[in-house]
């Protein structure tokens, strides 16, 4: 069994994003918690949003990314990373990306949702 890896820095981490990630660990998880070290300057404040379901969440995320591309806040879709905990979460995100015509690439895991074995 491989030990859990601690993520303590990220090349795209702003101070506010690093603080938000660090705050998501509970007291029970204190043994694995590491305060994230930001690698970039100040960025936008992370938002917390409650969505009705996975489809609504994916729709919001993809719409927000598309708006940021359209406004010039994001130069190209390949500069965006959507990180999720389980492979099952990719399905709604992939469907919304396809519907919006937003290119995407699944890294790690077992490829796109539809290419994985049942």
Protein backbone atom coordinates (compact mmCIF):
# COMPACT_ATOMS: atom_id res chain seq x y z
CA UNK A 1 0.00 0.00 0.00
CA UNK A 2 1.41 3.32 -1.03
CA UNK A 3 1.42 6.15 1.50
CA UNK A 4 -0.69 9.21 0.78
CA UNK A 5 1.24 11.99 -0.89
CA UNK A 6 1.10 15.49 0.48
CA UNK A 7 0.57 18.30 -1.99
CA UNK A 8 2.21 21.38 -0.55
CA UNK A 9 2.69 23.60 -3.56
CA UNK A 10 1.33 24.17 -7.00
CA UNK A 11 2.63 26.31 -9.83
CA UNK A 12 -0.73 28.01 -10.27
CA UNK A 13 -1.53 28.50 -6.59
CA UNK A 14 -2.42 32.02 -5.52
CA UNK A 15 -2.40 32.85 -1.81
CA UNK A 16 -6.21 32.86 -1.65
CA UNK A 17 -6.52 29.52 -3.50
CA UNK A 18 -3.86 27.92 -1.31
CA UNK A 19 -5.60 29.12 1.86
CA UNK A 20 -8.95 27.80 0.61
CA UNK A 21 -7.50 24.35 -0.10
CA UNK A 22 -5.74 24.19 3.26
CA UNK A 23 -8.93 25.16 5.10
CA UNK A 24 -10.84 22.19 3.63
CA UNK A 25 -9.06 19.72 5.92
CA UNK A 26 -10.89 18.86 9.13
CA UNK A 27 -9.25 18.61 12.52
CA UNK A 28 -9.43 14.81 12.12
CA UNK A 29 -7.26 15.12 9.03
CA UNK A 30 -4.67 17.31 10.76
CA UNK A 31 -2.02 14.60 10.43
CA UNK A 32 -2.12 14.84 6.63
CA UNK A 33 -2.79 18.54 6.37
CA UNK A 34 -0.07 20.77 5.03
CA UNK A 35 -0.58 24.46 4.51
CA UNK A 36 -0.29 25.10 0.81
CA UNK A 37 2.54 27.36 -0.28
CA UNK A 38 1.39 29.79 -2.96
CA UNK A 39 3.64 30.00 -6.01
CA UNK A 40 2.04 33.05 -7.63
CA UNK A 41 0.90 36.49 -6.64
CA UNK A 42 -2.55 37.45 -5.50
CA UNK A 43 -5.38 36.04 -7.58
CA UNK A 44 -9.18 36.11 -7.46
CA UNK A 45 -10.85 35.04 -4.24
CA UNK A 46 -12.11 31.44 -4.47
CA UNK A 47 -15.89 31.05 -4.37
CA UNK A 48 -17.89 28.37 -2.65
CA UNK A 49 -21.10 27.42 -4.44
CA UNK A 50 -23.77 24.88 -3.53
CA UNK A 51 -25.31 23.23 -6.59
CA UNK A 52 -28.39 21.03 -6.85
CA UNK A 53 -26.51 18.18 -8.52
CA UNK A 54 -23.43 17.22 -10.53
CA UNK A 55 -24.94 18.49 -13.79
CA UNK A 56 -25.68 21.92 -12.32
CA UNK A 57 -22.18 22.08 -10.87
CA UNK A 58 -20.56 21.10 -14.17
CA UNK A 59 -22.73 23.56 -16.07
CA UNK A 60 -21.67 26.39 -13.75
CA UNK A 61 -17.97 25.47 -13.99
CA UNK A 62 -17.93 25.19 -17.79
CA UNK A 63 -19.99 28.37 -18.22
CA UNK A 64 -17.60 30.24 -15.92
CA UNK A 65 -14.53 28.97 -17.79
CA UNK A 66 -16.12 29.93 -21.12
CA UNK A 67 -16.94 33.43 -19.81
CA UNK A 68 -13.35 33.84 -18.62
CA UNK A 69 -12.02 32.81 -22.04
CA UNK A 70 -14.45 35.14 -23.82
CA UNK A 71 -13.46 38.08 -21.59
CA UNK A 72 -9.73 37.45 -22.03
CA UNK A 73 -9.16 36.51 -18.37
CA UNK A 74 -8.00 33.10 -19.64
CA UNK A 75 -5.86 33.09 -22.76
CA UNK A 76 -6.58 29.51 -23.79
CA UNK A 77 -8.55 26.54 -22.42
CA UNK A 78 -5.35 24.53 -21.96
CA UNK A 79 -4.35 26.91 -19.15
CA UNK A 80 -7.28 25.69 -17.03
CA UNK A 81 -7.29 22.61 -14.79
CA UNK A 82 -10.45 21.13 -13.30
CA UNK A 83 -9.51 18.90 -10.39
CA UNK A 84 -11.94 16.41 -8.88
CA UNK A 85 -11.69 13.62 -6.32
CA UNK A 86 -13.20 10.65 -8.17
CA UNK A 87 -13.32 9.55 -11.80
CA UNK A 88 -17.13 9.41 -11.67
CA UNK A 89 -17.18 13.19 -11.29
CA UNK A 90 -15.68 13.62 -14.76
CA UNK A 91 -18.82 12.52 -16.62
CA UNK A 92 -20.88 15.65 -16.00
CA UNK A 93 -17.87 17.89 -16.68
CA UNK A 94 -17.08 16.08 -19.93
CA UNK A 95 -20.71 16.28 -21.09
CA UNK A 96 -20.85 20.02 -20.40
CA UNK A 97 -17.51 20.62 -22.15
CA UNK A 98 -18.76 18.75 -25.22
CA UNK A 99 -22.08 20.65 -25.21
CA UNK A 100 -20.23 23.98 -24.96
CA UNK A 101 -17.65 23.05 -27.60
CA UNK A 102 -14.93 23.53 -25.00
CA UNK A 103 -11.91 21.31 -25.68
CA UNK A 104 -10.73 19.15 -22.79
CA UNK A 105 -8.21 16.46 -21.96
CA UNK A 106 -8.47 13.98 -19.10
CA UNK A 107 -5.11 13.33 -17.45
CA UNK A 108 -4.36 10.52 -15.05
CA UNK A 109 -6.97 7.97 -14.13
CA UNK A 110 -8.33 5.85 -16.95
CA UNK A 111 -9.10 8.33 -19.72
CA UNK A 112 -12.44 9.87 -20.57
CA UNK A 113 -15.54 8.69 -18.77
CA UNK A 114 -16.90 6.94 -21.84
CA UNK A 115 -13.65 5.11 -22.65
CA UNK A 116 -13.48 3.46 -19.22
CA UNK A 117 -14.66 -0.10 -18.68
CA UNK A 118 -18.02 -0.52 -16.96
